[in-house]
Amino acid sequence: MTNSHDTQTARTPRILHLTECYAGGVSRAIETIVDLTPEAEHHLLWRGDESPEATIGYASRRDLPASFRRAIRRVRDVVEEVSPDFVYAHSSWAGVFARATRLDAPVVYAPHCYKFDDASTSAPLRTAYRLAEVALARRTARTIVLSPHEEALALAVNKTVPTHYVPNVASVEPDEAHPATRFAAARDVIMIGRLSKQKDPSFFAQVARRVHDVAPDVRFRWIGDGDMDKRAELEAAGVEVTGWLNGEALAAELARPSLYLHTALYEGFPLSVLDAAAFEHPILARHIPAFDGLTIPTAESTDDAALMVLDLLSNGPHLAQAEQAARDLRSTMNRDAQRAALQALYAAV
């Protein structure tokens, strides 16, 4: 006889999303997954700087303790309670909590960029992070990858664990109230992300200083929040820090014509770049492997980035490429593509 839970599982995938950093790109990524696959039953076990809004279609929300040991126990208890078809672990610490002990559900791991890919971290620490990923990979059913570079890293960790490409998509889209900019000219430069070492606000601050030496009227804005020392460094360089913006507030900010400059040290593939592309901002990025093979113009140093910012803001020769990069991203990383990839994932796990 088939019991009610078996019937539910056969008809509706039941997913437990796990994260310890519910904020910024990670929270927006999870919320997009929930929005794109309403046929699945989505549960959330979380902690972070933001709180999930009541309008997000989670079947349940549970808090993740701050204590390392209690977090692992909490994951095990919630898996027993929810009986998910799989645990979707978002980001590295969630990957630890979900795989530090054996669970009664497969674990799908989305690193949202590997910490050992951070070239600014010391070699011994990078080795330690890599060895931790190697050890935990034994309890990984699938690894979600966002780019060819991230797939190569995942296979280097453990070539026997299947990878599954799920393209990131913009977390906010233009509408009548907040239309796309149509690549309108502007004297504004923006970046979206957590004030953290990974996103490297220091790079953004140095570019702002160099540009202001030549063009003091250019306005630099950082959309996000986090480390207070990094916030102070940005503000000392003349950068406006807006704090976290989501939903309508983020759409309103993106509806203002701007140049988008992405300064992260390393990435899986950043949602913020896709948000900027959705609102038709020219895209410029620091050169990192996540953008290899794409049409995004990139800069190797803060001096190069400042020169390219000035070039783009003055309708220079790189502007057409920066605009085309946004169009290319919209055509290849979109909601239809992500929904198809998620449906394939649900069928495979």
C-alpha atoms as a PDB file:
ATOM      1  CA  MET A   1       0.000   0.000   0.000  1.00  0.00           C
ATOM      2  CA  THR A   2       1.242   3.530  -0.811  1.00  0.00           C
ATOM      3  CA  ASN A   3       1.076   5.851   2.185  1.00  0.00           C
ATOM      4  CA  SER A   4       0.202   9.561   1.985  1.00  0.00           C
ATOM      5  CA  HIS A   5       3.840  10.658   2.159  1.00  0.00           C
ATOM      6  CA  ASP A   6       4.823   8.369  -0.735  1.00  0.00           C
ATOM      7  CA  THR A   7       1.988   9.816  -2.801  1.00  0.00           C
ATOM      8  CA  GLN A   8       3.073  13.352  -1.927  1.00  0.00           C
ATOM      9  CA  THR A   9       6.673  12.637  -2.886  1.00  0.00           C
ATOM     10  CA  ALA A  10       5.734  11.077  -6.208  1.00  0.00           C
ATOM     11  CA  ARG A  11       3.582  14.021  -7.164  1.00  0.00           C
ATOM     12  CA  THR A  12       5.400  16.972  -5.601  1.00  0.00           C
ATOM     13  CA  PRO A  13       9.151  17.270  -4.998  1.00  0.00           C
ATOM     14  CA  ARG A  14       9.787  18.209  -1.377  1.00  0.00           C
ATOM     15  CA  ILE A  15      12.939  20.302  -0.956  1.00  0.00           C
ATOM     16  CA  LEU A  16      14.656  21.589   2.168  1.00  0.00           C
ATOM     17  CA  HIS A  17      16.707  24.692   1.370  1.00  0.00           C
ATOM     18  CA  LEU A  18      19.509  25.230   3.859  1.00  0.00           C
ATOM     19  CA  THR A  19      21.613  28.391   4.256  1.00  0.00           C
ATOM     20  CA  GLU A  20      23.493  30.247   6.960  1.00  0.00           C
ATOM     21  CA  CYS A  21      23.771  33.438   4.842  1.00  0.00           C
ATOM     22  CA  TYR A  22      20.221  34.413   3.935  1.00  0.00           C
ATOM     23  CA  ALA A  23      21.036  37.820   2.449  1.00  0.00           C
ATOM     24  CA  GLY A  24      22.037  39.400  -0.828  1.00  0.00           C
ATOM     25  CA  GLY A  25      22.641  37.048  -3.726  1.00  0.00           C
ATOM     26  CA  VAL A  26      22.038  33.813  -1.821  1.00  0.00           C
ATOM     27  CA  SER A  27      18.593  34.808  -0.525  1.00  0.00           C
ATOM     28  CA  ARG A  28      17.625  36.119  -3.955  1.00  0.00           C
ATOM     29  CA  ALA A  29      18.818  32.886  -5.593  1.00  0.00           C
ATOM     30  CA  ILE A  30      16.728  30.728  -3.260  1.00  0.00           C
ATOM     31  CA  GLU A  31      13.676  32.937  -3.673  1.00  0.00           C
ATOM     32  CA  THR A  32      13.988  32.734  -7.468  1.00  0.00           C
ATOM     33  CA  ILE A  33      14.107  28.926  -7.298  1.00  0.00           C
ATOM     34  CA  VAL A  34      10.933  28.941  -5.197  1.00  0.00           C
ATOM     35  CA  ASP A  35       9.234  31.336  -7.603  1.00  0.00           C
ATOM     36  CA  LEU A  36      10.205  29.388 -10.731  1.00  0.00           C
ATOM     37  CA  THR A  37       9.142  25.966  -9.454  1.00  0.00           C
ATOM     38  CA  PRO A  38       5.897  26.435  -7.510  1.00  0.00           C
ATOM     39  CA  GLU A  39       5.021  22.808  -8.266  1.00  0.00           C
ATOM     40  CA  ALA A  40       7.632  21.802  -5.670  1.00  0.00           C
ATOM     41  CA  GLU A  41       7.173  22.025  -1.901  1.00  0.00           C
ATOM     42  CA  HIS A  42       9.920  24.318  -0.609  1.00  0.00           C
ATOM     43  CA  HIS A  43      10.996  24.382   3.047  1.00  0.00           C
ATOM     44  CA  LEU A  44      13.611  26.762   4.465  1.00  0.00           C
ATOM     45  CA  LEU A  45      16.124  26.245   7.283  1.00  0.00           C
ATOM     46  CA  TRP A  46      18.043  29.472   7.627  1.00  0.00           C
ATOM     47  CA  ARG A  47      19.898  32.215   9.374  1.00  0.00           C
ATOM     48  CA  GLY A  48      21.276  35.438   7.897  1.00  0.00           C
ATOM     49  CA  ASP A  49      21.117  39.212   7.746  1.00  0.00           C
ATOM     50  CA  GLU A  50      17.709  39.273   6.073  1.00  0.00           C
ATOM     51  CA  SER A  51      14.397  37.683   7.005  1.00  0.00           C
ATOM     52  CA  PRO A  52      12.381  35.778   4.393  1.00  0.00           C
ATOM     53  CA  GLU A  53       9.290  37.762   3.478  1.00  0.00           C
ATOM     54  CA  ALA A  54       5.867  36.263   4.078  1.00  0.00           C
ATOM     55  CA  THR A  55       5.104  36.524   0.363  1.00  0.00           C
ATOM     56  CA  ILE A  56       7.813  33.963  -0.515  1.00  0.00           C
ATOM     57  CA  GLY A  57       6.160  30.598  -1.051  1.00  0.00           C
ATOM     58  CA  TYR A  58       7.917  28.520   1.599  1.00  0.00           C
ATOM     59  CA  ALA A  59       5.870  25.660   3.026  1.00  0.00           C
ATOM     60  CA  SER A  60       7.747  26.181   6.313  1.00  0.00           C
ATOM     61  CA  ARG A  61      10.537  28.309   7.776  1.00  0.00           C
ATOM     62  CA  ARG A  62      12.817  27.172  10.571  1.00  0.00           C
ATOM     63  CA  ASP A  63      15.735  28.918  12.298  1.00  0.00           C
ATOM     64  CA  LEU A  64      19.287  27.601  12.082  1.00  0.00           C
ATOM     65  CA  PRO A  65      21.232  27.953  15.373  1.00  0.00           C
ATOM     66  CA  ALA A  66      24.472  29.922  15.456  1.00  0.00           C
ATOM     67  CA  SER A  67      26.356  27.162  17.286  1.00  0.00           C
ATOM     68  CA  PHE A  68      28.235  24.815  14.936  1.00  0.00           C
ATOM     69  CA  ARG A  69      27.215  21.621  16.735  1.00  0.00           C
ATOM     70  CA  ARG A  70      23.643  22.740  17.309  1.00  0.00           C
ATOM     71  CA  ALA A  71      23.345  23.687  13.636  1.00  0.00           C
ATOM     72  CA  ILE A  72      24.351  20.170  12.565  1.00  0.00           C
ATOM     73  CA  ARG A  73      21.881  18.613  15.014  1.00  0.00           C
ATOM     74  CA  ARG A  74      19.180  21.004  13.821  1.00  0.00           C
ATOM     75  CA  VAL A  75      19.713  19.984  10.207  1.00  0.00           C
ATOM     76  CA  ARG A  76      19.401  16.311  11.113  1.00  0.00           C
ATOM     77  CA  ASP A  77      16.241  16.935  13.194  1.00  0.00           C
ATOM     78  CA  VAL A  78      14.556  19.021  10.494  1.00  0.00           C
ATOM     79  CA  VAL A  79      15.349  16.420   7.823  1.00  0.00           C
ATOM     80  CA  GLU A  80      13.646  13.798   9.991  1.00  0.00           C
ATOM     81  CA  GLU A  81      10.668  16.092  10.511  1.00  0.00           C
ATOM     82  CA  VAL A  82      10.219  17.329   6.928  1.00  0.00           C
ATOM     83  CA  SER A  83      11.313  14.154   5.081  1.00  0.00           C
ATOM     84  CA  PRO A  84      12.540  16.065   2.024  1.00  0.00           C
ATOM     85  CA  ASP A  85      13.371  14.380  -1.257  1.00  0.00           C
ATOM     86  CA  PHE A  86      16.687  16.214  -0.990  1.00  0.00           C
ATOM     87  CA  VAL A  87      18.484  18.919   0.970  1.00  0.00           C
ATOM     88  CA  TYR A  88      19.561  21.883  -1.179  1.00  0.00           C
ATOM     89  CA  ALA A  89      22.595  23.311   0.645  1.00  0.00           C
ATOM     90  CA  HIS A  90      23.323  26.875  -0.443  1.00  0.00           C
ATOM     91  CA  SER A  91      26.902  28.107   0.131  1.00  0.00           C
ATOM     92  CA  SER A  92      29.899  26.586   1.863  1.00  0.00           C
ATOM     93  CA  TRP A  93      28.865  26.517   5.523  1.00  0.00           C
ATOM     94  CA  ALA A  94      25.471  25.097   4.639  1.00  0.00           C
ATOM     95  CA  GLY A  95      27.398  22.468   2.717  1.00  0.00           C
ATOM     96  CA  VAL A  96      29.302  21.645   5.906  1.00  0.00           C
ATOM     97  CA  PHE A  97      26.185  21.461   8.092  1.00  0.00           C
ATOM     98  CA  ALA A  98      24.383  19.209   5.599  1.00  0.00           C
ATOM     99  CA  ARG A  99      27.298  16.830   5.016  1.00  0.00           C
ATOM    100  CA  ALA A 100      29.087  16.687   8.377  1.00  0.00           C
ATOM    101  CA  THR A 101      26.804  13.811   9.333  1.00  0.00           C
ATOM    102  CA  ARG A 102      24.849  11.289   7.304  1.00  0.00           C
ATOM    103  CA  LEU A 103      21.290  12.423   6.617  1.00  0.00           C
ATOM    104  CA  ASP A 104      18.208  10.469   5.582  1.00  0.00           C
ATOM    105  CA  ALA A 105      18.078  12.504   2.366  1.00  0.00           C
ATOM    106  CA  PRO A 106      20.513  13.173  -0.476  1.00  0.00           C
ATOM    107  CA  VAL A 107      22.370  16.483  -0.387  1.00  0.00           C
ATOM    108  CA  VAL A 108      22.551  18.761  -3.423  1.00  0.00           C
ATOM    109  CA  TYR A 109      25.356  21.250  -2.822  1.00  0.00           C
ATOM    110  CA  ALA A 110      25.483  24.712  -4.401  1.00  0.00           C
ATOM    111  CA  PRO A 111      28.763  26.320  -3.299  1.00  0.00           C
ATOM    112  CA  HIS A 112      27.877  29.735  -4.779  1.00  0.00           C
ATOM    113  CA  CYS A 113      31.667  29.973  -5.361  1.00  0.00           C
ATOM    114  CA  TYR A 114      34.380  27.901  -3.692  1.00  0.00           C
ATOM    115  CA  LYS A 115      36.376  29.536  -0.906  1.00  0.00           C
ATOM    116  CA  PHE A 116      39.562  27.823  -2.098  1.00  0.00           C
ATOM    117  CA  ASP A 117      39.216  29.785  -5.347  1.00  0.00           C
ATOM    118  CA  ASP A 118      40.078  32.995  -3.480  1.00  0.00           C
ATOM    119  CA  ALA A 119      43.547  33.905  -4.739  1.00  0.00           C
ATOM    120  CA  SER A 120      43.993  36.421  -1.916  1.00  0.00           C
ATOM    121  CA  THR A 121      43.815  33.677   0.728  1.00  0.00           C
ATOM    122  CA  SER A 122      47.064  32.094   1.880  1.00  0.00           C
ATOM    123  CA  ALA A 123      48.115  28.843   0.214  1.00  0.00           C
ATOM    124  CA  PRO A 124      47.811  26.766   3.437  1.00  0.00           C
ATOM    125  CA  LEU A 125      44.260  28.008   4.042  1.00  0.00           C
ATOM    126  CA  ARG A 126      43.255  27.365   0.437  1.00  0.00           C
ATOM    127  CA  THR A 127      44.617  23.839   0.769  1.00  0.00           C
ATOM    128  CA  ALA A 128      42.632  23.342   3.970  1.00  0.00           C
ATOM    129  CA  TYR A 129      39.420  24.553   2.324  1.00  0.00           C
ATOM    130  CA  ARG A 130      40.016  22.269  -0.660  1.00  0.00           C
ATOM    131  CA  LEU A 131      40.671  19.244   1.572  1.00  0.00           C
ATOM    132  CA  ALA A 132      37.454  19.975   3.487  1.00  0.00           C
ATOM    133  CA  GLU A 133      35.511  20.019   0.211  1.00  0.00           C
ATOM    134  CA  VAL A 134      37.161  16.754  -0.848  1.00  0.00           C
ATOM    135  CA  ALA A 135      36.177  15.082   2.435  1.00  0.00           C
ATOM    136  CA  LEU A 136      32.586  16.348   2.329  1.00  0.00           C
ATOM    137  CA  ALA A 137      32.104  15.427  -1.335  1.00  0.00           C
ATOM    138  CA  ARG A 138      31.590  11.795  -0.286  1.00  0.00           C
ATOM    139  CA  ARG A 139      28.153  12.815   1.008  1.00  0.00           C
ATOM    140  CA  THR A 140      27.182  14.891  -2.015  1.00  0.00           C
ATOM    141  CA  ALA A 141      24.563  13.627  -4.450  1.00  0.00           C
ATOM    142  CA  ARG A 142      25.122  16.437  -6.943  1.00  0.00           C
ATOM    143  CA  THR A 143      27.022  19.700  -7.134  1.00  0.00           C
ATOM    144  CA  ILE A 144      25.244  22.699  -8.630  1.00  0.00           C
ATOM    145  CA  VAL A 145      27.575  24.746 -10.836  1.00  0.00           C
ATOM    146  CA  LEU A 146      27.043  28.213 -12.265  1.00  0.00           C
ATOM    147  CA  SER A 147      29.782  28.423 -14.903  1.00  0.00           C
ATOM    148  CA  PRO A 148      32.323  26.277 -16.765  1.00  0.00           C
ATOM    149  CA  HIS A 149      34.961  27.483 -14.314  1.00  0.00           C
ATOM    150  CA  GLU A 150      32.944  26.338 -11.307  1.00  0.00           C
ATOM    151  CA  GLU A 151      32.279  22.976 -12.961  1.00  0.00           C
ATOM    152  CA  ALA A 152      36.025  22.479 -13.439  1.00  0.00           C
ATOM    153  CA  LEU A 153      36.581  23.232  -9.742  1.00  0.00           C
ATOM    154  CA  ALA A 154      33.829  20.810  -8.693  1.00  0.00           C
ATOM    155  CA  LEU A 155      35.256  17.991 -10.802  1.00  0.00           C
ATOM    156  CA  ALA A 156      38.717  18.681  -9.411  1.00  0.00           C
ATOM    157  CA  VAL A 157      37.271  18.191  -5.911  1.00  0.00           C
ATOM    158  CA  ASN A 158      35.694  14.845  -6.841  1.00  0.00           C
ATOM    159  CA  LYS A 159      35.239  13.728 -10.424  1.00  0.00           C
ATOM    160  CA  THR A 160      32.747  11.018  -9.416  1.00  0.00           C
ATOM    161  CA  VAL A 161      30.134  13.441  -8.041  1.00  0.00           C
ATOM    162  CA  PRO A 162      27.786  14.503 -10.848  1.00  0.00           C
ATOM    163  CA  THR A 163      27.586  18.206 -11.597  1.00  0.00           C
ATOM    164  CA  HIS A 164      24.389  19.937 -12.656  1.00  0.00           C
ATOM    165  CA  TYR A 165      24.435  23.309 -14.387  1.00  0.00           C
ATOM    166  CA  VAL A 166      21.731  25.679 -13.137  1.00  0.00           C
ATOM    167  CA  PRO A 167      22.209  29.107 -14.702  1.00  0.00           C
ATOM    168  CA  ASN A 168      21.744  32.059 -12.417  1.00  0.00           C
ATOM    169  CA  VAL A 169      19.059  34.530 -13.460  1.00  0.00           C
ATOM    170  CA  ALA A 170      18.255  38.098 -12.551  1.00  0.00           C
ATOM    171  CA  SER A 171      16.512  38.278  -9.196  1.00  0.00           C
ATOM    172  CA  VAL A 172      14.631  41.453 -10.101  1.00  0.00           C
ATOM    173  CA  GLU A 173      13.129  42.423 -13.453  1.00  0.00           C
ATOM    174  CA  PRO A 174      12.014  45.745 -14.976  1.00  0.00           C
ATOM    175  CA  ASP A 175       8.312  46.578 -14.912  1.00  0.00           C
ATOM    176  CA  GLU A 176       6.081  49.564 -15.690  1.00  0.00           C
ATOM    177  CA  ALA A 177       6.947  51.261 -12.408  1.00  0.00           C
ATOM    178  CA  HIS A 178      10.670  50.543 -12.761  1.00  0.00           C
ATOM    179  CA  PRO A 179      11.556  50.283 -16.458  1.00  0.00           C
ATOM    180  CA  ALA A 180      14.880  49.279 -17.962  1.00  0.00           C
ATOM    181  CA  THR A 181      17.253  52.143 -18.664  1.00  0.00           C
ATOM    182  CA  ARG A 182      17.714  51.386 -22.398  1.00  0.00           C
ATOM    183  CA  PHE A 183      21.433  51.996 -21.803  1.00  0.00           C
ATOM    184  CA  ALA A 184      20.805  55.689 -21.171  1.00  0.00           C
ATOM    185  CA  ALA A 185      23.968  57.710 -20.559  1.00  0.00           C
ATOM    186  CA  ALA A 186      24.830  58.410 -16.931  1.00  0.00           C
ATOM    187  CA  ARG A 187      27.602  59.606 -14.639  1.00  0.00           C
ATOM    188  CA  ASP A 188      26.848  56.915 -12.052  1.00  0.00           C
ATOM    189  CA  VAL A 189      28.809  53.735 -11.280  1.00  0.00           C
ATOM    190  CA  ILE A 190      27.237  51.008  -9.104  1.00  0.00           C
ATOM    191  CA  MET A 191      28.112  47.681  -7.528  1.00  0.00           C
ATOM    192  CA  ILE A 192      25.762  45.283  -5.710  1.00  0.00           C
ATOM    193  CA  GLY A 193      26.951  42.907  -3.004  1.00  0.00           C
ATOM    194  CA  ARG A 194      27.876  42.207   0.579  1.00  0.00           C
ATOM    195  CA  LEU A 195      30.620  44.354   2.085  1.00  0.00           C
ATOM    196  CA  SER A 196      33.024  41.456   2.422  1.00  0.00           C
ATOM    197  CA  LYS A 197      36.498  40.426   1.397  1.00  0.00           C
ATOM    198  CA  GLN A 198      35.120  38.331  -1.465  1.00  0.00           C
ATOM    199  CA  LYS A 199      33.330  41.264  -3.116  1.00  0.00           C
ATOM    200  CA  ASP A 200      36.409  43.456  -2.501  1.00  0.00           C
ATOM    201  CA  PRO A 201      34.938  46.905  -1.838  1.00  0.00           C
ATOM    202  CA  SER A 202      38.539  48.144  -1.486  1.00  0.00           C
ATOM    203  CA  PHE A 203      38.988  47.666  -5.241  1.00  0.00           C
ATOM    204  CA  PHE A 204      35.789  49.676  -5.853  1.00  0.00           C
ATOM    205  CA  ALA A 205      36.988  52.417  -3.478  1.00  0.00           C
ATOM    206  CA  GLN A 206      40.341  52.698  -5.250  1.00  0.00           C
ATOM    207  CA  VAL A 207      38.634  52.955  -8.654  1.00  0.00           C
ATOM    208  CA  ALA A 208      36.372  55.692  -7.272  1.00  0.00           C
ATOM    209  CA  ARG A 209      39.390  57.673  -6.038  1.00  0.00           C
ATOM    210  CA  ARG A 210      41.185  57.388  -9.375  1.00  0.00           C
ATOM    211  CA  VAL A 211      38.113  58.402 -11.356  1.00  0.00           C
ATOM    212  CA  HIS A 212      37.379  61.309  -9.016  1.00  0.00           C
ATOM    213  CA  ASP A 213      40.893  62.632  -9.602  1.00  0.00           C
ATOM    214  CA  VAL A 214      39.863  63.193 -13.231  1.00  0.00           C
ATOM    215  CA  ALA A 215      36.077  63.442 -13.061  1.00  0.00           C
ATOM    216  CA  PRO A 216      34.839  64.454  -9.587  1.00  0.00           C
ATOM    217  CA  ASP A 217      31.223  64.632 -10.793  1.00  0.00           C
ATOM    218  CA  VAL A 218      30.976  60.823 -11.280  1.00  0.00           C
ATOM    219  CA  ARG A 219      28.828  59.279  -8.560  1.00  0.00           C
ATOM    220  CA  PHE A 220      29.804  55.880  -7.106  1.00  0.00           C
ATOM    221  CA  ARG A 221      27.219  53.834  -5.173  1.00  0.00           C
ATOM    222  CA  TRP A 222      27.522  50.473  -3.417  1.00  0.00           C
ATOM    223  CA  ILE A 223      24.207  48.666  -2.985  1.00  0.00           C
ATOM    224  CA  GLY A 224      24.578  46.353   0.002  1.00  0.00           C
ATOM    225  CA  ASP A 225      25.938  46.227   3.522  1.00  0.00           C
ATOM    226  CA  GLY A 226      28.148  44.167   5.811  1.00  0.00           C
ATOM    227  CA  ASP A 227      31.557  44.836   7.342  1.00  0.00           C
ATOM    228  CA  MET A 228      31.549  48.286   8.948  1.00  0.00           C
ATOM    229  CA  ASP A 229      35.262  48.910   8.313  1.00  0.00           C
ATOM    230  CA  LYS A 230      34.751  48.259   4.620  1.00  0.00           C
ATOM    231  CA  ARG A 231      31.738  50.569   4.634  1.00  0.00           C
ATOM    232  CA  ALA A 232      33.845  53.306   6.192  1.00  0.00           C
ATOM    233  CA  GLU A 233      36.568  52.759   3.578  1.00  0.00           C
ATOM    234  CA  LEU A 234      34.044  53.196   0.777  1.00  0.00           C
ATOM    235  CA  GLU A 235      32.533  56.305   2.300  1.00  0.00           C
ATOM    236  CA  ALA A 236      35.995  57.806   2.792  1.00  0.00           C
ATOM    237  CA  ALA A 237      36.533  57.348  -0.956  1.00  0.00           C
ATOM    238  CA  GLY A 238      33.344  59.265  -1.735  1.00  0.00           C
ATOM    239  CA  VAL A 239      31.197  56.185  -2.365  1.00  0.00           C
ATOM    240  CA  GLU A 240      27.565  56.234  -1.224  1.00  0.00           C
ATOM    241  CA  VAL A 241      26.582  52.985   0.560  1.00  0.00           C
ATOM    242  CA  THR A 242      22.840  52.375   0.372  1.00  0.00           C
ATOM    243  CA  GLY A 243      22.548  49.350   2.676  1.00  0.00           C
ATOM    244  CA  TRP A 244      20.624  46.264   1.649  1.00  0.00           C
ATOM    245  CA  LEU A 245      17.898  46.846  -0.925  1.00  0.00           C
ATOM    246  CA  ASN A 246      15.497  44.158  -2.123  1.00  0.00           C
ATOM    247  CA  GLY A 247      12.394  43.867  -4.244  1.00  0.00           C
ATOM    248  CA  GLU A 248      10.896  47.194  -5.222  1.00  0.00           C
ATOM    249  CA  ALA A 249      13.667  49.227  -3.576  1.00  0.00           C
ATOM    250  CA  LEU A 250      16.338  47.400  -5.578  1.00  0.00           C
ATOM    251  CA  ALA A 251      14.294  47.727  -8.766  1.00  0.00           C
ATOM    252  CA  ALA A 252      13.952  51.464  -8.176  1.00  0.00           C
ATOM    253  CA  GLU A 253      17.717  51.786  -7.772  1.00  0.00           C
ATOM    254  CA  LEU A 254      18.404  49.737 -10.896  1.00  0.00           C
ATOM    255  CA  ALA A 255      15.914  51.781 -12.935  1.00  0.00           C
ATOM    256  CA  ARG A 256      18.357  54.703 -12.681  1.00  0.00           C
ATOM    257  CA  PRO A 257      20.866  54.799 -15.570  1.00  0.00           C
ATOM    258  CA  SER A 258      24.280  53.606 -14.370  1.00  0.00           C
ATOM    259  CA  LEU A 259      27.410  51.739 -15.332  1.00  0.00           C
ATOM    260  CA  TYR A 260      27.723  48.455 -13.448  1.00  0.00           C
ATOM    261  CA  LEU A 261      31.240  47.635 -12.193  1.00  0.00           C
ATOM    262  CA  HIS A 262      31.733  44.218 -10.567  1.00  0.00           C
ATOM    263  CA  THR A 263      34.835  44.021  -8.372  1.00  0.00           C
ATOM    264  CA  ALA A 264      34.701  40.608  -6.658  1.00  0.00           C
ATOM    265  CA  LEU A 265      37.872  38.580  -6.140  1.00  0.00           C
ATOM    266  CA  TYR A 266      36.143  35.332  -7.131  1.00  0.00           C
ATOM    267  CA  GLU A 267      32.618  34.131  -7.935  1.00  0.00           C
ATOM    268  CA  GLY A 268      30.474  31.205  -8.996  1.00  0.00           C
ATOM    269  CA  PHE A 269      28.404  33.540 -11.116  1.00  0.00           C
ATOM    270  CA  PRO A 270      27.002  36.689  -9.484  1.00  0.00           C
ATOM    271  CA  LEU A 271      23.278  37.456  -9.537  1.00  0.00           C
ATOM    272  CA  SER A 272      24.012  41.152  -9.297  1.00  0.00           C
ATOM    273  CA  VAL A 273      25.601  41.204 -12.760  1.00  0.00           C
ATOM    274  CA  LEU A 274      22.426  39.627 -14.157  1.00  0.00           C
ATOM    275  CA  ASP A 275      20.248  42.135 -12.274  1.00  0.00           C
ATOM    276  CA  ALA A 276      22.226  44.952 -13.876  1.00  0.00           C
ATOM    277  CA  ALA A 277      21.934  43.323 -17.302  1.00  0.00           C
ATOM    278  CA  ALA A 278      18.162  42.955 -16.888  1.00  0.00           C
ATOM    279  CA  PHE A 279      17.879  46.728 -16.399  1.00  0.00           C
ATOM    280  CA  GLU A 280      20.128  47.402 -19.397  1.00  0.00           C
ATOM    281  CA  HIS A 281      23.222  48.764 -17.709  1.00  0.00           C
ATOM    282  CA  PRO A 282      26.571  48.496 -19.488  1.00  0.00           C
ATOM    283  CA  ILE A 283      28.625  45.822 -17.700  1.00  0.00           C
ATOM    284  CA  LEU A 284      32.293  46.120 -16.713  1.00  0.00           C
ATOM    285  CA  ALA A 285      34.065  43.625 -14.442  1.00  0.00           C
ATOM    286  CA  ARG A 286      37.329  42.887 -12.786  1.00  0.00           C
ATOM    287  CA  HIS A 287      38.967  39.975 -14.577  1.00  0.00           C
ATOM    288  CA  ILE A 288      38.231  36.693 -12.765  1.00  0.00           C
ATOM    289  CA  PRO A 289      37.799  33.162 -14.164  1.00  0.00           C
ATOM    290  CA  ALA A 290      34.001  33.196 -13.644  1.00  0.00           C
ATOM    291  CA  PHE A 291      33.712  35.562 -16.621  1.00  0.00           C
ATOM    292  CA  ASP A 292      35.997  33.624 -18.969  1.00  0.00           C
ATOM    293  CA  GLY A 293      34.407  33.008 -22.354  1.00  0.00           C
ATOM    294  CA  LEU A 294      31.867  35.819 -21.971  1.00  0.00           C
ATOM    295  CA  THR A 295      31.750  39.148 -23.793  1.00  0.00           C
ATOM    296  CA  ILE A 296      32.019  41.253 -20.600  1.00  0.00           C
ATOM    297  CA  PRO A 297      34.911  43.747 -20.854  1.00  0.00           C
ATOM    298  CA  THR A 298      37.263  43.176 -17.921  1.00  0.00           C
ATOM    299  CA  ALA A 299      40.065  45.038 -16.174  1.00  0.00           C
ATOM    300  CA  GLU A 300      43.127  43.544 -14.487  1.00  0.00           C
ATOM    301  CA  SER A 301      43.855  46.379 -12.035  1.00  0.00           C
ATOM    302  CA  THR A 302      42.247  49.383 -10.374  1.00  0.00           C
ATOM    303  CA  ASP A 303      44.103  51.687 -12.770  1.00  0.00           C
ATOM    304  CA  ASP A 304      42.783  49.736 -15.768  1.00  0.00           C
ATOM    305  CA  ALA A 305      39.272  49.736 -14.318  1.00  0.00           C
ATOM    306  CA  ALA A 306      39.346  53.508 -13.720  1.00  0.00           C
ATOM    307  CA  LEU A 307      40.459  54.143 -17.297  1.00  0.00           C
ATOM    308  CA  MET A 308      37.706  51.876 -18.617  1.00  0.00           C
ATOM    309  CA  VAL A 309      35.092  53.588 -16.428  1.00  0.00           C
ATOM    310  CA  LEU A 310      36.099  56.955 -17.866  1.00  0.00           C
ATOM    311  CA  ASP A 311      36.057  55.460 -21.367  1.00  0.00           C
ATOM    312  CA  LEU A 312      32.567  54.020 -20.934  1.00  0.00           C
ATOM    313  CA  LEU A 313      31.107  57.130 -19.342  1.00  0.00           C
ATOM    314  CA  SER A 314      32.390  59.220 -22.247  1.00  0.00           C
ATOM    315  CA  ASN A 315      30.922  56.907 -24.913  1.00  0.00           C
ATOM    316  CA  GLY A 316      34.342  55.437 -25.693  1.00  0.00           C
ATOM    317  CA  PRO A 317      35.180  52.383 -27.804  1.00  0.00           C
ATOM    318  CA  HIS A 318      34.448  49.838 -25.028  1.00  0.00           C
ATOM    319  CA  LEU A 319      30.847  51.008 -24.544  1.00  0.00           C
ATOM    320  CA  ALA A 320      29.353  48.900 -27.345  1.00  0.00           C
ATOM    321  CA  GLN A 321      30.980  45.774 -25.893  1.00  0.00           C
ATOM    322  CA  ALA A 322      29.752  46.580 -22.369  1.00  0.00           C
ATOM    323  CA  GLU A 323      26.190  47.002 -23.646  1.00  0.00           C
ATOM    324  CA  GLN A 324      26.352  43.854 -25.778  1.00  0.00           C
ATOM    325  CA  ALA A 325      27.557  41.905 -22.761  1.00  0.00           C
ATOM    326  CA  ALA A 326      24.322  42.775 -20.971  1.00  0.00           C
ATOM    327  CA  ARG A 327      22.248  41.661 -23.961  1.00  0.00           C
ATOM    328  CA  ASP A 328      24.180  38.383 -24.209  1.00  0.00           C
ATOM    329  CA  LEU A 329      23.638  37.593 -20.532  1.00  0.00           C
ATOM    330  CA  ARG A 330      19.905  38.173 -20.832  1.00  0.00           C
ATOM    331  CA  SER A 331      19.653  35.838 -23.821  1.00  0.00           C
ATOM    332  CA  THR A 332      21.518  32.917 -22.194  1.00  0.00           C
ATOM    333  CA  MET A 333      20.834  33.194 -18.442  1.00  0.00           C
ATOM    334  CA  ASN A 334      17.102  33.643 -18.106  1.00  0.00           C
ATOM    335  CA  ARG A 335      14.116  32.284 -16.225  1.00  0.00           C
ATOM    336  CA  ASP A 336      13.142  29.735 -18.874  1.00  0.00           C
ATOM    337  CA  ALA A 337      16.647  28.266 -18.862  1.00  0.00           C
ATOM    338  CA  GLN A 338      16.788  28.071 -15.074  1.00  0.00           C
ATOM    339  CA  ARG A 339      13.336  26.527 -14.753  1.00  0.00           C
ATOM    340  CA  ALA A 340      14.248  23.816 -17.271  1.00  0.00           C
ATOM    341  CA  ALA A 341      17.498  23.113 -15.388  1.00  0.00           C
ATOM    342  CA  LEU A 342      15.691  22.900 -12.033  1.00  0.00           C
ATOM    343  CA  GLN A 343      13.055  20.529 -13.403  1.00  0.00           C
ATOM    344  CA  ALA A 344      15.836  18.304 -14.735  1.00  0.00           C
ATOM    345  CA  LEU A 345      17.494  18.402 -11.304  1.00  0.00           C
ATOM    346  CA  TYR A 346      14.301  17.411  -9.491  1.00  0.00           C
ATOM    347  CA  ALA A 347      13.840  14.471 -11.852  1.00  0.00           C
ATOM    348  CA  ALA A 348      17.446  13.323 -11.432  1.00  0.00           C
ATOM    349  CA  VAL A 349      17.903  13.399  -7.650  1.00  0.00           C
END
